[in-house]
Amino acid sequence: LDAAYADLLADNLDILAGIPDAALKTYKDDLGDRAV
């Protein structure tokens, strides 16, 4: 899931269902209104 999340941040993946544990504290800041 970490590799998928890295691709999402790089715009190499369009949709990610699931966030790796390590990113749960930061993903809303990382993605802004694109966080689910």
PDB file of all heavy atoms in Angstrom:
ATOM      1  N   LEU A   1       0.831  -1.199   0.000  1.00  0.00           N
ATOM      2  CA  LEU A   1       0.000   0.000   0.000  1.00  0.00           C
ATOM      3  C   LEU A   1       0.868   1.253   0.000  1.00  0.00           C
ATOM      4  O   LEU A   1       0.479   2.296  -0.529  1.00  0.00           O
ATOM      5  CB  LEU A   1      -0.913  -0.023   1.225  1.00  0.00           C
ATOM      6  CG  LEU A   1      -2.226   0.749   1.162  1.00  0.00           C
ATOM      7  CD1 LEU A   1      -3.047   0.367  -0.055  1.00  0.00           C
ATOM      8  CD2 LEU A   1      -3.027   0.516   2.430  1.00  0.00           C
ATOM      9  N   ASP A   2       2.047   1.155   0.583  1.00  0.00           N
ATOM     10  CA  ASP A   2       2.962   2.295   0.594  1.00  0.00           C
ATOM     11  C   ASP A   2       3.384   2.672  -0.824  1.00  0.00           C
ATOM     12  O   ASP A   2       3.467   3.862  -1.162  1.00  0.00           O
ATOM     13  CB  ASP A   2       4.200   1.962   1.431  1.00  0.00           C
ATOM     14  CG  ASP A   2       3.856   1.673   2.868  1.00  0.00           C
ATOM     15  OD1 ASP A   2       3.776   2.626   3.660  1.00  0.00           O
ATOM     16  OD2 ASP A   2       3.653   0.495   3.197  1.00  0.00           O
ATOM     17  N   ALA A   3       3.662   1.654  -1.657  1.00  0.00           N
ATOM     18  CA  ALA A   3       4.041   1.927  -3.043  1.00  0.00           C
ATOM     19  C   ALA A   3       2.884   2.568  -3.801  1.00  0.00           C
ATOM     20  O   ALA A   3       3.082   3.486  -4.606  1.00  0.00           O
ATOM     21  CB  ALA A   3       4.479   0.638  -3.731  1.00  0.00           C
ATOM     22  N   ALA A   4       1.668   2.100  -3.547  1.00  0.00           N
ATOM     23  CA  ALA A   4       0.502   2.687  -4.207  1.00  0.00           C
ATOM     24  C   ALA A   4       0.316   4.135  -3.777  1.00  0.00           C
ATOM     25  O   ALA A   4      -0.009   5.006  -4.603  1.00  0.00           O
ATOM     26  CB  ALA A   4      -0.744   1.866  -3.870  1.00  0.00           C
ATOM     27  N   TYR A   5       0.522   4.414  -2.499  1.00  0.00           N
ATOM     28  CA  TYR A   5       0.357   5.780  -2.004  1.00  0.00           C
ATOM     29  C   TYR A   5       1.405   6.709  -2.616  1.00  0.00           C
ATOM     30  O   TYR A   5       1.115   7.858  -2.979  1.00  0.00           O
ATOM     31  CB  TYR A   5       0.455   5.809  -0.480  1.00  0.00           C
ATOM     32  CG  TYR A   5       0.171   7.164   0.117  1.00  0.00           C
ATOM     33  CD1 TYR A   5      -1.095   7.738   0.007  1.00  0.00           C
ATOM     34  CD2 TYR A   5       1.162   7.877   0.796  1.00  0.00           C
ATOM     35  CE1 TYR A   5      -1.368   8.984   0.552  1.00  0.00           C
ATOM     36  CE2 TYR A   5       0.901   9.116   1.342  1.00  0.00           C
ATOM     37  CZ  TYR A   5      -0.372   9.662   1.226  1.00  0.00           C
ATOM     38  OH  TYR A   5      -0.636  10.904   1.758  1.00  0.00           O
ATOM     39  N   ALA A   6       2.625   6.206  -2.746  1.00  0.00           N
ATOM     40  CA  ALA A   6       3.678   7.010  -3.384  1.00  0.00           C
ATOM     41  C   ALA A   6       3.295   7.348  -4.818  1.00  0.00           C
ATOM     42  O   ALA A   6       3.516   8.473  -5.288  1.00  0.00           O
ATOM     43  CB  ALA A   6       5.008   6.253  -3.348  1.00  0.00           C
ATOM     44  N   ASP A   7       2.715   6.392  -5.533  1.00  0.00           N
ATOM     45  CA  ASP A   7       2.260   6.660  -6.900  1.00  0.00           C
ATOM     46  C   ASP A   7       1.124   7.681  -6.932  1.00  0.00           C
ATOM     47  O   ASP A   7       1.032   8.491  -7.847  1.00  0.00           O
ATOM     48  CB  ASP A   7       1.814   5.357  -7.565  1.00  0.00           C
ATOM     49  CG  ASP A   7       2.910   4.755  -8.433  1.00  0.00           C
ATOM     50  OD1 ASP A   7       4.025   5.300  -8.444  1.00  0.00           O
ATOM     51  OD2 ASP A   7       2.644   3.739  -9.102  1.00  0.00           O
ATOM     52  N   LEU A   8       0.247   7.602  -5.946  1.00  0.00           N
ATOM     53  CA  LEU A   8      -0.840   8.581  -5.892  1.00  0.00           C
ATOM     54  C   LEU A   8      -0.285   9.989  -5.715  1.00  0.00           C
ATOM     55  O   LEU A   8      -0.697  10.926  -6.414  1.00  0.00           O
ATOM     56  CB  LEU A   8      -1.780   8.235  -4.738  1.00  0.00           C
ATOM     57  CG  LEU A   8      -2.967   9.180  -4.548  1.00  0.00           C
ATOM     58  CD1 LEU A   8      -3.972   8.991  -5.678  1.00  0.00           C
ATOM     59  CD2 LEU A   8      -3.629   8.955  -3.202  1.00  0.00           C
ATOM     60  N   LEU A   9       0.664  10.152  -4.804  1.00  0.00           N
ATOM     61  CA  LEU A   9       1.252  11.469  -4.572  1.00  0.00           C
ATOM     62  C   LEU A   9       1.968  11.991  -5.810  1.00  0.00           C
ATOM     63  O   LEU A   9       2.023  13.210  -6.037  1.00  0.00           O
ATOM     64  CB  LEU A   9       2.233  11.400  -3.391  1.00  0.00           C
ATOM     65  CG  LEU A   9       1.625  11.107  -2.016  1.00  0.00           C
ATOM     66  CD1 LEU A   9       2.728  11.047  -0.964  1.00  0.00           C
ATOM     67  CD2 LEU A   9       0.583  12.153  -1.642  1.00  0.00           C
ATOM     68  N   ALA A  10       2.509  11.083  -6.604  1.00  0.00           N
ATOM     69  CA  ALA A  10       3.223  11.479  -7.823  1.00  0.00           C
ATOM     70  C   ALA A  10       2.297  11.599  -9.027  1.00  0.00           C
ATOM     71  O   ALA A  10       2.762  11.829 -10.142  1.00  0.00           O
ATOM     72  CB  ALA A  10       4.324  10.460  -8.118  1.00  0.00           C
ATOM     73  N   ASP A  11       0.983  11.446  -8.818  1.00  0.00           N
ATOM     74  CA  ASP A  11      -0.002  11.484  -9.905  1.00  0.00           C
ATOM     75  C   ASP A  11       0.198  10.362 -10.920  1.00  0.00           C
ATOM     76  O   ASP A  11      -0.210  10.471 -12.078  1.00  0.00           O
ATOM     77  CB  ASP A  11       0.005  12.842 -10.627  1.00  0.00           C
ATOM     78  CG  ASP A  11      -1.018  13.810 -10.038  1.00  0.00           C
ATOM     79  OD1 ASP A  11      -1.799  13.392  -9.170  1.00  0.00           O
ATOM     80  OD2 ASP A  11      -1.030  14.987 -10.463  1.00  0.00           O
ATOM     81  N   ASN A  12       0.812   9.268 -10.489  1.00  0.00           N
ATOM     82  CA  ASN A  12       0.941   8.092 -11.338  1.00  0.00           C
ATOM     83  C   ASN A  12      -0.164   7.075 -11.089  1.00  0.00           C
ATOM     84  O   ASN A  12      -0.234   6.053 -11.766  1.00  0.00           O
ATOM     85  CB  ASN A  12       2.302   7.415 -11.109  1.00  0.00           C
ATOM     86  CG  ASN A  12       3.455   8.233 -11.643  1.00  0.00           C
ATOM     87  OD1 ASN A  12       3.318   8.904 -12.657  1.00  0.00           O
ATOM     88  ND2 ASN A  12       4.576   8.202 -10.947  1.00  0.00           N
ATOM     89  N   LEU A  13      -0.999   7.334 -10.106  1.00  0.00           N
ATOM     90  CA  LEU A  13      -2.160   6.518  -9.787  1.00  0.00           C
ATOM     91  C   LEU A  13      -3.326   7.462  -9.556  1.00  0.00           C
ATOM     92  O   LEU A  13      -3.189   8.459  -8.851  1.00  0.00           O
ATOM     93  CB  LEU A  13      -1.898   5.675  -8.529  1.00  0.00           C
ATOM     94  CG  LEU A  13      -3.052   4.788  -8.053  1.00  0.00           C
ATOM     95  CD1 LEU A  13      -3.276   3.630  -9.033  1.00  0.00           C
ATOM     96  CD2 LEU A  13      -2.769   4.241  -6.649  1.00  0.00           C
ATOM     97  N   ASP A  14      -4.469   7.149 -10.161  1.00  0.00           N
ATOM     98  CA  ASP A  14      -5.610   8.056 -10.065  1.00  0.00           C
ATOM     99  C   ASP A  14      -6.454   7.848  -8.818  1.00  0.00           C
ATOM    100  O   ASP A  14      -6.894   8.812  -8.189  1.00  0.00           O
ATOM    101  CB  ASP A  14      -6.511   7.906 -11.306  1.00  0.00           C
ATOM    102  CG  ASP A  14      -5.847   8.405 -12.569  1.00  0.00           C
ATOM    103  OD1 ASP A  14      -5.193   9.460 -12.503  1.00  0.00           O
ATOM    104  OD2 ASP A  14      -5.969   7.731 -13.607  1.00  0.00           O
ATOM    105  N   ILE A  15      -6.726   6.583  -8.475  1.00  0.00           N
ATOM    106  CA  ILE A  15      -7.624   6.278  -7.361  1.00  0.00           C
ATOM    107  C   ILE A  15      -6.938   5.309  -6.407  1.00  0.00           C
ATOM    108  O   ILE A  15      -6.460   4.248  -6.825  1.00  0.00           O
ATOM    109  CB  ILE A  15      -8.939   5.646  -7.858  1.00  0.00           C
ATOM    110  CG1 ILE A  15      -9.598   6.519  -8.924  1.00  0.00           C
ATOM    111  CG2 ILE A  15      -9.881   5.411  -6.682  1.00  0.00           C
ATOM    112  CD1 ILE A  15     -10.044   7.876  -8.435  1.00  0.00           C
ATOM    113  N   LEU A  16      -6.926   5.643  -5.119  1.00  0.00           N
ATOM    114  CA  LEU A  16      -6.368   4.761  -4.113  1.00  0.00           C
ATOM    115  C   LEU A  16      -7.441   4.476  -3.063  1.00  0.00           C
ATOM    116  O   LEU A  16      -7.918   5.381  -2.389  1.00  0.00           O
ATOM    117  CB  LEU A  16      -5.154   5.394  -3.440  1.00  0.00           C
ATOM    118  CG  LEU A  16      -4.513   4.587  -2.299  1.00  0.00           C
ATOM    119  CD1 LEU A  16      -3.992   3.251  -2.813  1.00  0.00           C
ATOM    120  CD2 LEU A  16      -3.391   5.373  -1.621  1.00  0.00           C
ATOM    121  N   ALA A  17      -7.812   3.212  -2.958  1.00  0.00           N
ATOM    122  CA  ALA A  17      -8.758   2.780  -1.932  1.00  0.00           C
ATOM    123  C   ALA A  17      -7.944   2.178  -0.800  1.00  0.00           C
ATOM    124  O   ALA A  17      -7.532   1.017  -0.869  1.00  0.00           O
ATOM    125  CB  ALA A  17      -9.739   1.771  -2.498  1.00  0.00           C
ATOM    126  N   GLY A  18      -7.694   2.958   0.240  1.00  0.00           N
ATOM    127  CA  GLY A  18      -6.858   2.516   1.347  1.00  0.00           C
ATOM    128  C   GLY A  18      -5.665   3.423   1.515  1.00  0.00           C
ATOM    129  O   GLY A  18      -5.090   3.889   0.522  1.00  0.00           O
ATOM    130  N   ILE A  19      -5.305   3.692   2.748  1.00  0.00           N
ATOM    131  CA  ILE A  19      -4.147   4.523   3.057  1.00  0.00           C
ATOM    132  C   ILE A  19      -3.228   3.720   3.971  1.00  0.00           C
ATOM    133  O   ILE A  19      -3.684   3.119   4.951  1.00  0.00           O
ATOM    134  CB  ILE A  19      -4.568   5.830   3.779  1.00  0.00           C
ATOM    135  CG1 ILE A  19      -5.472   6.675   2.862  1.00  0.00           C
ATOM    136  CG2 ILE A  19      -3.349   6.645   4.193  1.00  0.00           C
ATOM    137  CD1 ILE A  19      -4.805   7.211   1.616  1.00  0.00           C
ATOM    138  N   PRO A  20      -1.919   3.676   3.676  1.00  0.00           N
ATOM    139  CA  PRO A  20      -1.010   2.926   4.555  1.00  0.00           C
ATOM    140  C   PRO A  20      -0.969   3.541   5.950  1.00  0.00           C
ATOM    141  O   PRO A  20      -1.155   4.751   6.120  1.00  0.00           O
ATOM    142  CB  PRO A  20       0.342   3.034   3.846  1.00  0.00           C
ATOM    143  CG  PRO A  20       0.227   4.235   2.955  1.00  0.00           C
ATOM    144  CD  PRO A  20      -1.204   4.295   2.541  1.00  0.00           C
ATOM    145  N   ASP A  21      -0.739   2.694   6.937  1.00  0.00           N
ATOM    146  CA  ASP A  21      -0.730   3.161   8.324  1.00  0.00           C
ATOM    147  C   ASP A  21       0.177   4.369   8.518  1.00  0.00           C
ATOM    148  O   ASP A  21      -0.172   5.318   9.227  1.00  0.00           O
ATOM    149  CB  ASP A  21      -0.277   2.033   9.256  1.00  0.00           C
ATOM    150  CG  ASP A  21      -1.265   0.881   9.317  1.00  0.00           C
ATOM    151  OD1 ASP A  21      -2.396   1.045   8.814  1.00  0.00           O
ATOM    152  OD2 ASP A  21      -0.898  -0.184   9.853  1.00  0.00           O
ATOM    153  N   ALA A  22       1.345   4.323   7.894  1.00  0.00           N
ATOM    154  CA  ALA A  22       2.330   5.382   8.102  1.00  0.00           C
ATOM    155  C   ALA A  22       1.860   6.741   7.603  1.00  0.00           C
ATOM    156  O   ALA A  22       2.394   7.777   8.020  1.00  0.00           O
ATOM    157  CB  ALA A  22       3.645   5.006   7.421  1.00  0.00           C
ATOM    158  N   ALA A  23       0.868   6.753   6.709  1.00  0.00           N
ATOM    159  CA  ALA A  23       0.405   8.013   6.124  1.00  0.00           C
ATOM    160  C   ALA A  23      -0.913   8.500   6.709  1.00  0.00           C
ATOM    161  O   ALA A  23      -1.408   9.566   6.332  1.00  0.00           O
ATOM    162  CB  ALA A  23       0.273   7.861   4.609  1.00  0.00           C
ATOM    163  N   LEU A  24      -1.502   7.743   7.646  1.00  0.00           N
ATOM    164  CA  LEU A  24      -2.813   8.126   8.164  1.00  0.00           C
ATOM    165  C   LEU A  24      -2.798   9.480   8.867  1.00  0.00           C
ATOM    166  O   LEU A  24      -3.801  10.200   8.871  1.00  0.00           O
ATOM    167  CB  LEU A  24      -3.336   7.044   9.114  1.00  0.00           C
ATOM    168  CG  LEU A  24      -3.901   5.796   8.429  1.00  0.00           C
ATOM    169  CD1 LEU A  24      -4.222   4.720   9.462  1.00  0.00           C
ATOM    170  CD2 LEU A  24      -5.147   6.132   7.612  1.00  0.00           C
ATOM    171  N   LYS A  25      -1.678   9.841   9.476  1.00  0.00           N
ATOM    172  CA  LYS A  25      -1.602  11.128  10.154  1.00  0.00           C
ATOM    173  C   LYS A  25      -1.397  12.291   9.199  1.00  0.00           C
ATOM    174  O   LYS A  25      -1.662  13.444   9.546  1.00  0.00           O
ATOM    175  CB  LYS A  25      -0.468  11.099  11.182  1.00  0.00           C
ATOM    176  CG  LYS A  25      -0.714  10.182  12.366  1.00  0.00           C
ATOM    177  CD  LYS A  25       0.430  10.277  13.361  1.00  0.00           C
ATOM    178  CE  LYS A  25       0.164   9.373  14.566  1.00  0.00           C
ATOM    179  NZ  LYS A  25       1.266   9.447  15.571  1.00  0.00           N
ATOM    180  N   THR A  26      -0.930  11.995   7.994  1.00  0.00           N
ATOM    181  CA  THR A  26      -0.546  13.082   7.089  1.00  0.00           C
ATOM    182  C   THR A  26      -1.335  13.135   5.792  1.00  0.00           C
ATOM    183  O   THR A  26      -1.254  14.126   5.070  1.00  0.00           O
ATOM    184  CB  THR A  26       0.948  12.963   6.727  1.00  0.00           C
ATOM    185  OG1 THR A  26       1.172  11.713   6.034  1.00  0.00           O
ATOM    186  CG2 THR A  26       1.817  13.003   7.977  1.00  0.00           C
ATOM    187  N   TYR A  27      -2.109  12.069   5.461  1.00  0.00           N
ATOM    188  CA  TYR A  27      -2.671  12.010   4.112  1.00  0.00           C
ATOM    189  C   TYR A  27      -3.662  13.125   3.822  1.00  0.00           C
ATOM    190  O   TYR A  27      -3.771  13.589   2.682  1.00  0.00           O
ATOM    191  CB  TYR A  27      -3.271  10.631   3.827  1.00  0.00           C
ATOM    192  CG  TYR A  27      -4.696  10.404   4.259  1.00  0.00           C
ATOM    193  CD1 TYR A  27      -5.740  10.440   3.336  1.00  0.00           C
ATOM    194  CD2 TYR A  27      -5.017  10.137   5.592  1.00  0.00           C
ATOM    195  CE1 TYR A  27      -7.048  10.204   3.720  1.00  0.00           C
ATOM    196  CE2 TYR A  27      -6.313   9.900   5.973  1.00  0.00           C
ATOM    197  CZ  TYR A  27      -7.335   9.938   5.046  1.00  0.00           C
ATOM    198  OH  TYR A  27      -8.631   9.715   5.418  1.00  0.00           O
ATOM    199  N   LYS A  28      -4.369  13.590   4.831  1.00  0.00           N
ATOM    200  CA  LYS A  28      -5.319  14.687   4.590  1.00  0.00           C
ATOM    201  C   LYS A  28      -4.582  15.982   4.269  1.00  0.00           C
ATOM    202  O   LYS A  28      -5.039  16.777   3.437  1.00  0.00           O
ATOM    203  CB  LYS A  28      -6.242  14.860   5.792  1.00  0.00           C
ATOM    204  CG  LYS A  28      -7.207  13.694   5.980  1.00  0.00           C
ATOM    205  CD  LYS A  28      -8.138  13.916   7.154  1.00  0.00           C
ATOM    206  CE  LYS A  28      -9.075  12.727   7.316  1.00  0.00           C
ATOM    207  NZ  LYS A  28      -9.991  12.884   8.486  1.00  0.00           N
ATOM    208  N   ASP A  29      -3.445  16.192   4.916  1.00  0.00           N
ATOM    209  CA  ASP A  29      -2.620  17.359   4.575  1.00  0.00           C
ATOM    210  C   ASP A  29      -1.973  17.172   3.212  1.00  0.00           C
ATOM    211  O   ASP A  29      -1.853  18.118   2.426  1.00  0.00           O
ATOM    212  CB  ASP A  29      -1.547  17.576   5.643  1.00  0.00           C
ATOM    213  CG  ASP A  29      -2.126  18.029   6.974  1.00  0.00           C
ATOM    214  OD1 ASP A  29      -3.202  18.664   6.967  1.00  0.00           O
ATOM    215  OD2 ASP A  29      -1.511  17.737   8.016  1.00  0.00           O
ATOM    216  N   ASP A  30      -1.533  15.936   2.934  1.00  0.00           N
ATOM    217  CA  ASP A  30      -0.884  15.657   1.654  1.00  0.00           C
ATOM    218  C   ASP A  30      -1.839  15.875   0.478  1.00  0.00           C
ATOM    219  O   ASP A  30      -1.446  16.406  -0.569  1.00  0.00           O
ATOM    220  CB  ASP A  30      -0.385  14.207   1.606  1.00  0.00           C
ATOM    221  CG  ASP A  30       0.739  13.928   2.581  1.00  0.00           C
ATOM    222  OD1 ASP A  30       1.380  14.894   3.045  1.00  0.00           O
ATOM    223  OD2 ASP A  30       0.970  12.745   2.887  1.00  0.00           O
ATOM    224  N   LEU A  31      -3.095  15.444   0.647  1.00  0.00           N
ATOM    225  CA  LEU A  31      -4.039  15.430  -0.472  1.00  0.00           C
ATOM    226  C   LEU A  31      -5.054  16.560  -0.440  1.00  0.00           C
ATOM    227  O   LEU A  31      -5.699  16.838  -1.461  1.00  0.00           O
ATOM    228  CB  LEU A  31      -4.781  14.088  -0.491  1.00  0.00           C
ATOM    229  CG  LEU A  31      -3.914  12.841  -0.668  1.00  0.00           C
ATOM    230  CD1 LEU A  31      -4.758  11.586  -0.519  1.00  0.00           C
ATOM    231  CD2 LEU A  31      -3.212  12.851  -2.023  1.00  0.00           C
ATOM    232  N   GLY A  32      -5.226  17.189   0.698  1.00  0.00           N
ATOM    233  CA  GLY A  32      -6.208  18.279   0.776  1.00  0.00           C
ATOM    234  C   GLY A  32      -7.612  17.776   0.508  1.00  0.00           C
ATOM    235  O   GLY A  32      -8.044  16.762   1.064  1.00  0.00           O
ATOM    236  N   ASP A  33      -8.318  18.456  -0.372  1.00  0.00           N
ATOM    237  CA  ASP A  33      -9.708  18.059  -0.658  1.00  0.00           C
ATOM    238  C   ASP A  33      -9.800  16.811  -1.527  1.00  0.00           C
ATOM    239  O   ASP A  33     -10.895  16.363  -1.864  1.00  0.00           O
ATOM    240  CB  ASP A  33     -10.494  19.210  -1.300  1.00  0.00           C
ATOM    241  CG  ASP A  33      -9.890  19.695  -2.613  1.00  0.00           C
ATOM    242  OD1 ASP A  33      -8.933  19.067  -3.104  1.00  0.00           O
ATOM    243  OD2 ASP A  33     -10.377  20.712  -3.140  1.00  0.00           O
ATOM    244  N   ARG A  34      -8.665  16.216  -1.865  1.00  0.00           N
ATOM    245  CA  ARG A  34      -8.659  14.949  -2.596  1.00  0.00           C
ATOM    246  C   ARG A  34      -8.548  13.745  -1.660  1.00  0.00           C
ATOM    247  O   ARG A  34      -8.460  12.608  -2.117  1.00  0.00           O
ATOM    248  CB  ARG A  34      -7.514  14.932  -3.613  1.00  0.00           C
ATOM    249  CG  ARG A  34      -7.679  15.958  -4.729  1.00  0.00           C
ATOM    250  CD  ARG A  34      -6.553  15.903  -5.750  1.00  0.00           C
ATOM    251  NE  ARG A  34      -5.299  16.406  -5.217  1.00  0.00           N
ATOM    252  CZ  ARG A  34      -4.226  15.663  -4.968  1.00  0.00           C
ATOM    253  NH1 ARG A  34      -4.248  14.357  -5.216  1.00  0.00           N
ATOM    254  NH2 ARG A  34      -3.127  16.207  -4.490  1.00  0.00           N
ATOM    255  N   ALA A  35      -8.564  13.993  -0.364  1.00  0.00           N
ATOM    256  CA  ALA A  35      -8.545  12.919   0.623  1.00  0.00           C
ATOM    257  C   ALA A  35      -9.965  12.426   0.878  1.00  0.00           C
ATOM    258  O   ALA A  35     -10.916  13.206   0.883  1.00  0.00           O
ATOM    259  CB  ALA A  35      -7.919  13.407   1.925  1.00  0.00           C
ATOM    260  N   VAL A  36     -10.105  11.128   1.073  1.00  0.00           N
ATOM    261  CA  VAL A  36     -11.410  10.519   1.335  1.00  0.00           C
ATOM    262  C   VAL A  36     -11.413   9.928   2.736  1.00  0.00           C
ATOM    263  O   VAL A  36     -10.489   9.196   3.114  1.00  0.00           O
ATOM    264  CB  VAL A  36     -11.712   9.413   0.298  1.00  0.00           C
ATOM    265  CG1 VAL A  36     -13.020   8.707   0.641  1.00  0.00           C
ATOM    266  CG2 VAL A  36     -11.776  10.000  -1.101  1.00  0.00           C
TER     267      VAL A  36
END
